[in-house]
Amino acid sequence: MPENQCNIDSPLVFIYKEVDGIHVLLDVYLPPDDVDQQQSTQQLIQYRPAVVYFHGGGLTVGNRRSWFPTWLKSRLSAHIIFISADYRLIPPGTGYDVLADVKDAIAFVVGDLNVQLDQELADLGSGSRFRIDPTSIGVAGTSAGGFCTYLCAIHAVPKPKVILSLYGMGGDLLTDQYLAPKAQSFLRGREMLDPAQFSDYMHPFSNLQSTSDSPLVYHPQSYHIPGYPANPRMLISRLYLQLGVALDYITGQHEPSSSVALRKAIHTEDLFDEALISDHKIIFPQFNVTSDWPETYLIHGTSDTAVLPQESRNLHSLLSKAGVEVVLEELPGREHSFDYQPGAELENEGSFDHIVQFFYRHLT
C-alpha cells in the first residue's frame, strides 16, 4: 500500500481489490477535523455520507487522480467523505471488468473500509473521527465515469442513493457515434488516426497487460505537435469511435464483431431487436432502467462532440418514464470536459452549486 498521509489535500490510499496480478486502488479524502477536536484525546466517531467518483478517459486511460473534479471535492469536503476509485481499463479489459470493479469498489466502501480506516489512522497516530456511513453513498463520474455510475445504479449492492453524471457515456450506446466508421474528423476537429500506429491496442492482442492506472502524459513543447498526447491510451478510445468498433471493445465480442450487426440494426425502420444485445444486456445501461434507479443529476454541454448530448437526453427520458427523480441540465454551446476549462469554476458556479445541493438533499 502506498504511504498514507492524513490531511484534506493528501488522501489515504487503499487497495480495494487484487485481480489480474494488479492492485486496484481508491483514494479517501476525509473531512477536516476542527482544531478543538484535533486536540481532544477522546473523540466520538462521526459517520458521514460518502461520494465515490469514477474518472473519465473513454474507459481506456486515466486513473483516480486524472481529470480530478476539484470543484466537486472542495464543495463536498466539509461534510461528505470524497473517494476516487480506479477501475480496469479497456483493453484488454472489457465493460464486464469495469462492472466487476465498480461493484467491488462500492462493496469495499460500505464493508471493509471503516475497519481499514481505523487501522490506518491508528498507525498514523491520527485522531480523525470520521468514518463512512454505509447507508448514505452517492456516486459521481465524468464521461466514461458516467458509464461507471450507471453500472452502479443497476448492479451495485447496496445501490447508491444518488447519481451524478457529467457528459456521461452509456445513456445511448446504439448510435453512429459508437457504431459508424468515420471518414472525416468528428471529434473537436481533431485529426484522423492511423490504426497501424496503435497495433498493440487492436484486437487480437499479443501481450497487453491488464491495468487500472494509465496516467496522462504529454509530449514537451519542443515536440512537432507541442503538448500532443504521449500515452497512446489517450487516443485509442477516439480510434475505436473512428473505426466504429467501440462496442467490440466494450463487450469483448470481436469475432463476430458485435458492432457490425448493431450497425445495421439501428438503421432499419423496425423496432430494435433487443435479442441482438441479449448476451451483453447487463452492460447496456439504457436496457436496465427500472423504477428503483437512484435519483440522478445529468449535466451535458449541447456542443459535446465526444459524448453526444443525445445520450443524456435518452437516459433522462427513460428515467422519467420509469418515475425516477432525474434532472437534466444542458449547457448551451459547451463541449466535452467543460468543467476542466480555464474559468470553469466561475462560469459554471451556479450549476456546480445546484449539483452539490442535490447531493446534500439526498445524502444528508
Protein backbone atom coordinates (compact mmCIF):
# COMPACT_ATOMS: atom_id res chain seq x y z
CA MET A 1 0.00 0.00 0.00
CA PRO A 2 1.39 3.45 -0.87
CA GLU A 3 2.46 5.59 2.08
CA ASN A 4 -0.56 7.37 3.52
CA GLN A 5 -0.88 10.82 4.98
CA CYS A 6 -3.92 12.13 6.78
CA ASN A 7 -4.96 15.62 5.74
CA ILE A 8 -7.52 17.21 3.50
CA ASP A 9 -5.25 17.50 0.48
CA SER A 10 -3.40 14.18 0.66
CA PRO A 11 -5.70 11.17 0.52
CA LEU A 12 -5.47 7.89 2.30
CA VAL A 13 -4.86 5.17 -0.29
CA PHE A 14 -6.39 1.70 -0.09
CA ILE A 15 -6.34 -1.45 -2.19
CA TYR A 16 -9.96 -2.38 -2.73
CA LYS A 17 -9.24 -5.48 -4.80
CA GLU A 18 -6.47 -7.59 -6.29
CA VAL A 19 -7.14 -9.04 -9.74
CA ASP A 20 -5.16 -9.95 -12.86
CA GLY A 21 -1.98 -9.57 -10.84
CA ILE A 22 -2.62 -5.89 -10.07
CA HIS A 23 -3.80 -3.84 -7.11
CA VAL A 24 -6.86 -1.70 -7.83
CA LEU A 25 -6.80 1.40 -5.64
CA LEU A 26 -9.01 4.13 -4.28
CA ASP A 27 -8.26 7.40 -2.53
CA VAL A 28 -10.16 8.59 0.54
CA TYR A 29 -10.36 12.28 1.42
CA LEU A 30 -11.66 12.70 4.96
CA PRO A 31 -13.30 15.96 6.06
CA PRO A 32 -11.01 18.15 8.20
CA ASP A 33 -11.30 17.89 11.98
CA ASP A 34 -11.74 21.25 13.66
CA VAL A 35 -8.94 22.44 15.95
CA ASP A 36 -10.77 21.64 19.19
CA GLN A 37 -11.46 18.10 18.03
CA GLN A 38 -7.88 17.62 16.87
CA GLN A 39 -6.64 18.49 20.35
CA SER A 40 -9.14 16.26 22.10
CA THR A 41 -7.92 12.85 23.19
CA GLN A 42 -11.46 11.45 23.31
CA GLN A 43 -13.32 11.90 20.05
CA LEU A 44 -16.65 10.37 19.25
CA ILE A 45 -16.75 8.66 15.87
CA GLN A 46 -18.97 10.51 13.39
CA TYR A 47 -20.37 8.68 10.39
CA ARG A 48 -20.59 10.78 7.25
CA PRO A 49 -22.02 10.24 3.77
CA ALA A 50 -19.55 9.41 1.02
CA VAL A 51 -19.38 10.12 -2.69
CA VAL A 52 -17.39 7.72 -4.86
CA TYR A 53 -16.02 9.32 -8.03
CA PHE A 54 -15.06 7.47 -11.23
CA HIS A 55 -12.76 9.23 -13.70
CA GLY A 56 -13.20 9.72 -17.42
CA GLY A 57 -10.88 8.71 -20.24
CA GLY A 58 -13.05 6.77 -22.69
CA LEU A 59 -12.64 3.67 -20.48
CA THR A 60 -9.14 3.31 -21.98
CA VAL A 61 -6.94 5.71 -20.00
CA GLY A 62 -6.62 7.57 -16.73
CA ASN A 63 -6.57 6.87 -13.03
CA ARG A 64 -8.24 8.10 -9.86
CA ARG A 65 -6.24 11.37 -9.95
CA SER A 66 -6.64 12.25 -13.63
CA TRP A 67 -9.37 14.69 -14.66
CA PHE A 68 -9.92 15.15 -10.94
CA PRO A 69 -13.05 17.20 -10.06
CA THR A 70 -11.50 19.63 -7.61
CA TRP A 71 -14.64 21.76 -7.73
CA LEU A 72 -16.77 18.85 -6.50
CA LYS A 73 -14.40 17.62 -3.82
CA SER A 74 -13.91 21.12 -2.41
CA ARG A 75 -17.65 21.76 -2.22
CA LEU A 76 -18.39 18.45 -0.53
CA SER A 77 -15.35 18.12 1.72
CA ALA A 78 -16.71 19.89 4.79
CA HIS A 79 -19.40 17.28 5.45
CA ILE A 80 -19.07 14.44 2.92
CA ILE A 81 -16.20 11.97 2.51
CA PHE A 82 -14.89 12.08 -1.05
CA ILE A 83 -13.49 8.90 -2.61
CA SER A 84 -11.90 8.49 -6.04
CA ALA A 85 -11.52 4.99 -7.44
CA ASP A 86 -9.52 3.29 -10.18
CA TYR A 87 -11.01 0.56 -12.38
CA ARG A 88 -9.54 -1.75 -15.01
CA LEU A 89 -9.16 -0.18 -18.42
CA ILE A 90 -10.14 -1.28 -21.90
CA PRO A 91 -8.26 -3.09 -23.46
CA PRO A 92 -7.52 -5.80 -22.50
CA GLY A 93 -10.31 -5.26 -20.01
CA THR A 94 -13.93 -5.05 -21.13
CA GLY A 95 -17.10 -3.50 -19.83
CA TYR A 96 -17.54 -6.61 -17.71
CA ASP A 97 -14.29 -5.89 -15.89
CA VAL A 98 -15.39 -2.30 -15.35
CA LEU A 99 -18.70 -3.59 -13.99
CA ALA A 100 -16.96 -6.00 -11.61
CA ASP A 101 -14.63 -3.28 -10.35
CA VAL A 102 -17.23 -0.60 -9.68
CA LYS A 103 -19.38 -3.15 -7.85
CA ASP A 104 -16.37 -4.19 -5.76
CA ALA A 105 -15.46 -0.56 -5.07
CA ILE A 106 -18.91 0.13 -3.61
CA ALA A 107 -18.88 -3.13 -1.65
CA PHE A 108 -15.48 -2.23 -0.18
CA VAL A 109 -16.58 1.29 0.75
CA VAL A 110 -19.66 0.07 2.64
CA GLY A 111 -17.91 -3.02 4.01
CA ASP A 112 -14.23 -3.17 4.87
CA LEU A 113 -13.24 0.47 4.50
CA ASN A 114 -14.17 1.63 8.01
CA VAL A 115 -12.13 -1.17 9.58
CA GLN A 116 -9.16 -0.29 7.38
CA LEU A 117 -9.59 3.40 8.24
CA ASP A 118 -9.43 2.51 11.93
CA GLN A 119 -6.18 0.63 11.41
CA GLU A 120 -4.59 3.15 9.06
CA LEU A 121 -5.40 6.15 11.24
CA ALA A 122 -4.15 4.34 14.33
CA ASP A 123 -0.88 3.57 12.56
CA LEU A 124 -0.56 7.21 11.55
CA GLY A 125 -1.33 8.42 15.07
CA SER A 126 -4.28 10.40 13.74
CA GLY A 127 -7.39 11.04 15.76
CA SER A 128 -9.69 11.71 12.82
CA ARG A 129 -13.20 10.86 13.96
CA PHE A 130 -14.86 10.50 10.55
CA ARG A 131 -15.99 7.19 9.11
CA ILE A 132 -18.23 6.10 6.25
CA ASP A 133 -21.99 5.95 6.72
CA PRO A 134 -22.69 2.81 4.65
CA THR A 135 -26.36 3.77 4.30
CA SER A 136 -25.57 7.06 2.57
CA ILE A 137 -23.44 6.55 -0.52
CA GLY A 138 -23.52 8.55 -3.75
CA VAL A 139 -21.56 8.11 -6.95
CA ALA A 140 -20.27 10.59 -9.50
CA GLY A 141 -18.48 10.34 -12.80
CA THR A 142 -17.39 12.31 -15.82
CA SER A 143 -17.57 10.93 -19.38
CA ALA A 144 -16.56 7.25 -19.10
CA GLY A 145 -17.00 7.67 -15.37
CA GLY A 146 -20.67 8.34 -16.10
CA PHE A 147 -20.88 4.84 -17.56
CA CYS A 148 -19.44 3.59 -14.26
CA THR A 149 -22.11 5.43 -12.27
CA TYR A 150 -24.86 3.88 -14.41
CA LEU A 151 -23.44 0.40 -13.78
CA CYS A 152 -23.50 1.20 -10.05
CA ALA A 153 -27.12 2.32 -10.33
CA ILE A 154 -28.03 -1.01 -11.90
CA HIS A 155 -25.78 -3.54 -10.22
CA ALA A 156 -24.08 -2.22 -7.05
CA VAL A 157 -25.07 -3.64 -3.68
CA PRO A 158 -26.21 -1.58 -1.97
CA LYS A 159 -27.45 0.79 -4.64
CA PRO A 160 -26.11 4.31 -4.29
CA LYS A 161 -28.69 6.84 -3.12
CA VAL A 162 -27.80 9.43 -5.74
CA ILE A 163 -26.04 9.60 -9.11
CA LEU A 164 -24.17 12.46 -10.75
CA SER A 165 -23.12 12.07 -14.38
CA LEU A 166 -21.32 14.84 -16.23
CA TYR A 167 -21.45 14.28 -20.01
CA GLY A 168 -21.61 10.58 -19.23
CA MET A 169 -21.34 7.86 -21.84
CA GLY A 170 -23.78 4.96 -21.77
CA GLY A 171 -27.11 6.76 -21.97
CA ASP A 172 -27.42 5.50 -25.54
CA LEU A 173 -24.72 3.21 -26.89
CA LEU A 174 -26.65 2.34 -30.05
CA THR A 175 -25.71 5.36 -32.14
CA ASP A 176 -23.43 6.12 -35.06
CA GLN A 177 -21.01 7.73 -32.63
CA TYR A 178 -20.08 4.23 -31.46
CA LEU A 179 -21.03 2.12 -34.46
CA ALA A 180 -20.34 4.01 -37.69
CA PRO A 181 -16.88 4.14 -39.31
CA LYS A 182 -15.85 7.79 -39.79
CA ALA A 183 -14.18 9.14 -42.93
CA GLN A 184 -13.51 12.65 -41.67
CA SER A 185 -12.80 14.49 -38.43
CA PHE A 186 -15.68 14.06 -36.00
CA LEU A 187 -14.37 14.97 -32.53
CA ARG A 188 -13.38 18.56 -31.82
CA GLY A 189 -11.85 18.88 -35.26
CA ARG A 190 -9.01 16.57 -34.33
CA GLU A 191 -7.06 14.60 -36.90
CA MET A 192 -7.96 11.12 -38.08
CA LEU A 193 -5.80 8.41 -36.56
CA ASP A 194 -3.80 5.68 -38.29
CA PRO A 195 -4.72 2.28 -36.81
CA ALA A 196 -1.29 0.93 -37.75
CA GLN A 197 0.24 3.17 -35.09
CA PHE A 198 -1.86 1.53 -32.38
CA SER A 199 -1.42 -2.15 -33.22
CA ASP A 200 -0.71 -3.07 -29.59
CA TYR A 201 -4.23 -1.93 -28.69
CA MET A 202 -6.05 -3.57 -31.59
CA HIS A 203 -7.66 -7.00 -31.31
CA PRO A 204 -6.21 -9.61 -31.23
CA PHE A 205 -3.80 -8.53 -28.50
CA SER A 206 -0.39 -10.14 -28.33
CA ASN A 207 0.95 -9.16 -24.92
CA LEU A 208 -1.26 -6.45 -23.46
CA GLN A 209 -1.25 -6.49 -19.67
CA SER A 210 -4.21 -5.60 -17.51
CA THR A 211 -4.04 -2.15 -15.92
CA SER A 212 -6.16 0.15 -13.80
CA ASP A 213 -3.68 3.02 -13.85
CA SER A 214 -2.60 4.73 -17.06
CA PRO A 215 -1.70 8.35 -16.33
CA LEU A 216 -1.99 11.28 -18.71
CA VAL A 217 1.34 12.01 -20.40
CA TYR A 218 2.03 14.73 -22.96
CA HIS A 219 4.93 15.49 -25.30
CA PRO A 220 7.01 18.59 -24.48
CA GLN A 221 6.59 21.91 -26.25
CA SER A 222 9.62 21.02 -28.39
CA TYR A 223 7.67 18.15 -29.99
CA HIS A 224 6.47 18.73 -33.57
CA ILE A 225 2.95 18.89 -32.13
CA PRO A 226 3.55 20.64 -28.79
CA GLY A 227 1.65 19.06 -25.93
CA TYR A 228 0.37 16.14 -28.03
CA PRO A 229 -0.58 13.02 -26.00
CA ALA A 230 2.44 10.80 -25.39
CA ASN A 231 0.46 7.96 -23.86
CA PRO A 232 -1.21 6.09 -26.77
CA ARG A 233 -4.07 5.10 -24.48
CA MET A 234 -5.14 8.76 -24.58
CA LEU A 235 -6.02 8.31 -28.25
CA ILE A 236 -7.38 4.80 -28.61
CA SER A 237 -10.94 5.49 -27.46
CA ARG A 238 -11.14 8.04 -30.28
CA LEU A 239 -9.67 5.46 -32.66
CA TYR A 240 -12.33 2.91 -31.72
CA LEU A 241 -15.04 5.51 -32.36
CA GLN A 242 -13.38 6.42 -35.67
CA LEU A 243 -13.42 2.76 -36.76
CA GLY A 244 -16.95 2.19 -35.49
CA VAL A 245 -15.86 -0.71 -33.27
CA ALA A 246 -16.08 0.80 -29.79
CA LEU A 247 -18.72 -1.72 -28.73
CA ASP A 248 -16.48 -4.63 -29.75
CA TYR A 249 -14.02 -3.47 -27.11
CA ILE A 250 -16.67 -2.67 -24.51
CA THR A 251 -18.43 -6.03 -24.89
CA GLY A 252 -15.28 -8.02 -25.66
CA GLN A 253 -17.06 -9.56 -28.65
CA HIS A 254 -14.78 -9.21 -31.67
CA GLU A 255 -15.44 -12.40 -33.65
CA PRO A 256 -18.05 -11.98 -34.89
CA SER A 257 -17.99 -8.24 -34.39
CA SER A 258 -20.83 -7.04 -32.17
CA SER A 259 -20.66 -3.68 -33.94
CA VAL A 260 -21.42 -4.99 -37.45
CA ALA A 261 -24.82 -6.44 -36.57
CA LEU A 262 -25.77 -3.48 -34.40
CA ARG A 263 -24.67 -1.01 -37.07
CA LYS A 264 -27.25 -2.46 -39.45
CA ALA A 265 -29.98 -2.80 -36.85
CA ILE A 266 -30.08 0.83 -35.76
CA HIS A 267 -30.76 1.97 -39.33
CA THR A 268 -33.84 -0.11 -40.06
CA GLU A 269 -37.40 1.10 -39.71
CA ASP A 270 -38.23 -1.82 -37.44
CA LEU A 271 -38.10 -1.60 -33.67
CA PHE A 272 -34.70 -2.50 -32.30
CA ASP A 273 -34.47 -6.21 -31.56
CA GLU A 274 -33.07 -6.48 -28.03
CA ALA A 275 -32.10 -10.07 -28.80
CA LEU A 276 -29.12 -8.59 -30.65
CA ILE A 277 -27.60 -7.45 -27.36
CA SER A 278 -29.07 -10.15 -25.12
CA ASP A 279 -25.65 -11.62 -24.35
CA HIS A 280 -24.39 -8.22 -23.22
CA LYS A 281 -27.53 -6.55 -21.93
CA ILE A 282 -26.20 -6.13 -18.39
CA ILE A 283 -23.60 -3.58 -19.56
CA PHE A 284 -26.02 -1.52 -21.66
CA PRO A 285 -27.46 0.99 -19.17
CA GLN A 286 -30.34 2.01 -21.46
CA PHE A 287 -31.81 -1.50 -21.26
CA ASN A 288 -31.66 -1.68 -17.46
CA VAL A 289 -33.65 1.34 -16.32
CA THR A 290 -36.17 0.48 -13.59
CA SER A 291 -38.16 2.40 -11.04
CA ASP A 292 -35.58 1.70 -8.30
CA TRP A 293 -32.81 3.52 -10.19
CA PRO A 294 -31.32 6.13 -7.79
CA GLU A 295 -32.12 9.84 -8.02
CA THR A 296 -29.95 11.22 -10.81
CA TYR A 297 -28.46 14.53 -11.92
CA LEU A 298 -27.31 14.67 -15.55
CA ILE A 299 -25.40 17.63 -16.95
CA HIS A 300 -24.19 17.90 -20.54
CA GLY A 301 -22.92 20.51 -22.97
CA THR A 302 -25.06 20.88 -26.09
CA SER A 303 -21.97 21.07 -28.33
CA ASP A 304 -20.28 17.93 -26.99
CA THR A 305 -18.64 16.00 -29.86
CA ALA A 306 -17.11 13.23 -27.74
CA VAL A 307 -20.21 12.00 -25.90
CA LEU A 308 -23.20 13.38 -27.76
CA PRO A 309 -25.84 15.17 -25.65
CA GLN A 310 -28.44 12.74 -27.02
CA GLU A 311 -27.03 10.17 -24.59
CA SER A 312 -28.08 12.16 -21.54
CA ARG A 313 -31.36 13.15 -23.19
CA ASN A 314 -32.18 9.50 -23.87
CA LEU A 315 -31.37 8.40 -20.33
CA HIS A 316 -33.36 11.33 -18.92
CA SER A 317 -36.37 10.23 -20.97
CA LEU A 318 -36.05 6.60 -19.84
CA LEU A 319 -35.67 7.56 -16.17
CA SER A 320 -38.59 9.98 -16.32
CA LYS A 321 -40.83 7.29 -17.82
CA ALA A 322 -39.75 4.95 -15.01
CA GLY A 323 -40.78 7.50 -12.39
CA VAL A 324 -37.24 8.22 -11.19
CA GLU A 325 -36.37 11.68 -9.89
CA VAL A 326 -33.97 12.98 -12.54
CA VAL A 327 -32.58 16.38 -13.50
CA LEU A 328 -31.10 17.08 -16.93
CA GLU A 329 -29.19 20.33 -17.20
CA GLU A 330 -27.99 21.23 -20.69
CA LEU A 331 -25.32 23.89 -21.03
CA PRO A 332 -25.64 25.75 -24.37
CA GLY A 333 -22.54 25.68 -26.55
CA ARG A 334 -20.38 23.72 -24.11
CA GLU A 335 -18.02 21.00 -25.32
CA HIS A 336 -16.81 17.86 -23.62
CA SER A 337 -14.95 18.34 -20.31
CA PHE A 338 -16.34 21.86 -19.93
CA ASP A 339 -15.71 21.69 -16.19
CA TYR A 340 -11.94 21.47 -16.70
CA GLN A 341 -11.63 24.52 -18.96
CA PRO A 342 -9.99 27.75 -17.72
CA GLY A 343 -12.51 29.83 -15.84
CA ALA A 344 -14.88 26.86 -15.37
CA GLU A 345 -15.31 27.47 -11.63
CA LEU A 346 -16.71 30.94 -12.23
CA GLU A 347 -18.57 30.17 -15.43
CA ASN A 348 -20.33 27.12 -14.01
CA GLU A 349 -20.69 28.26 -10.43
CA GLY A 350 -24.49 28.11 -10.46
CA SER A 351 -24.56 24.62 -11.96
CA PHE A 352 -21.91 23.34 -9.55
CA ASP A 353 -23.84 24.71 -6.58
CA HIS A 354 -27.06 23.05 -7.78
CA ILE A 355 -25.26 19.73 -8.10
CA VAL A 356 -23.89 19.93 -4.57
CA GLN A 357 -27.33 20.86 -3.22
CA PHE A 358 -28.69 17.78 -4.98
CA PHE A 359 -26.11 15.62 -3.21
CA TYR A 360 -26.80 17.15 0.20
CA ARG A 361 -30.55 16.79 -0.23
CA HIS A 362 -30.28 13.05 -0.89
CA LEU A 363 -27.34 12.10 1.32
CA THR A 364 -27.70 14.16 4.49
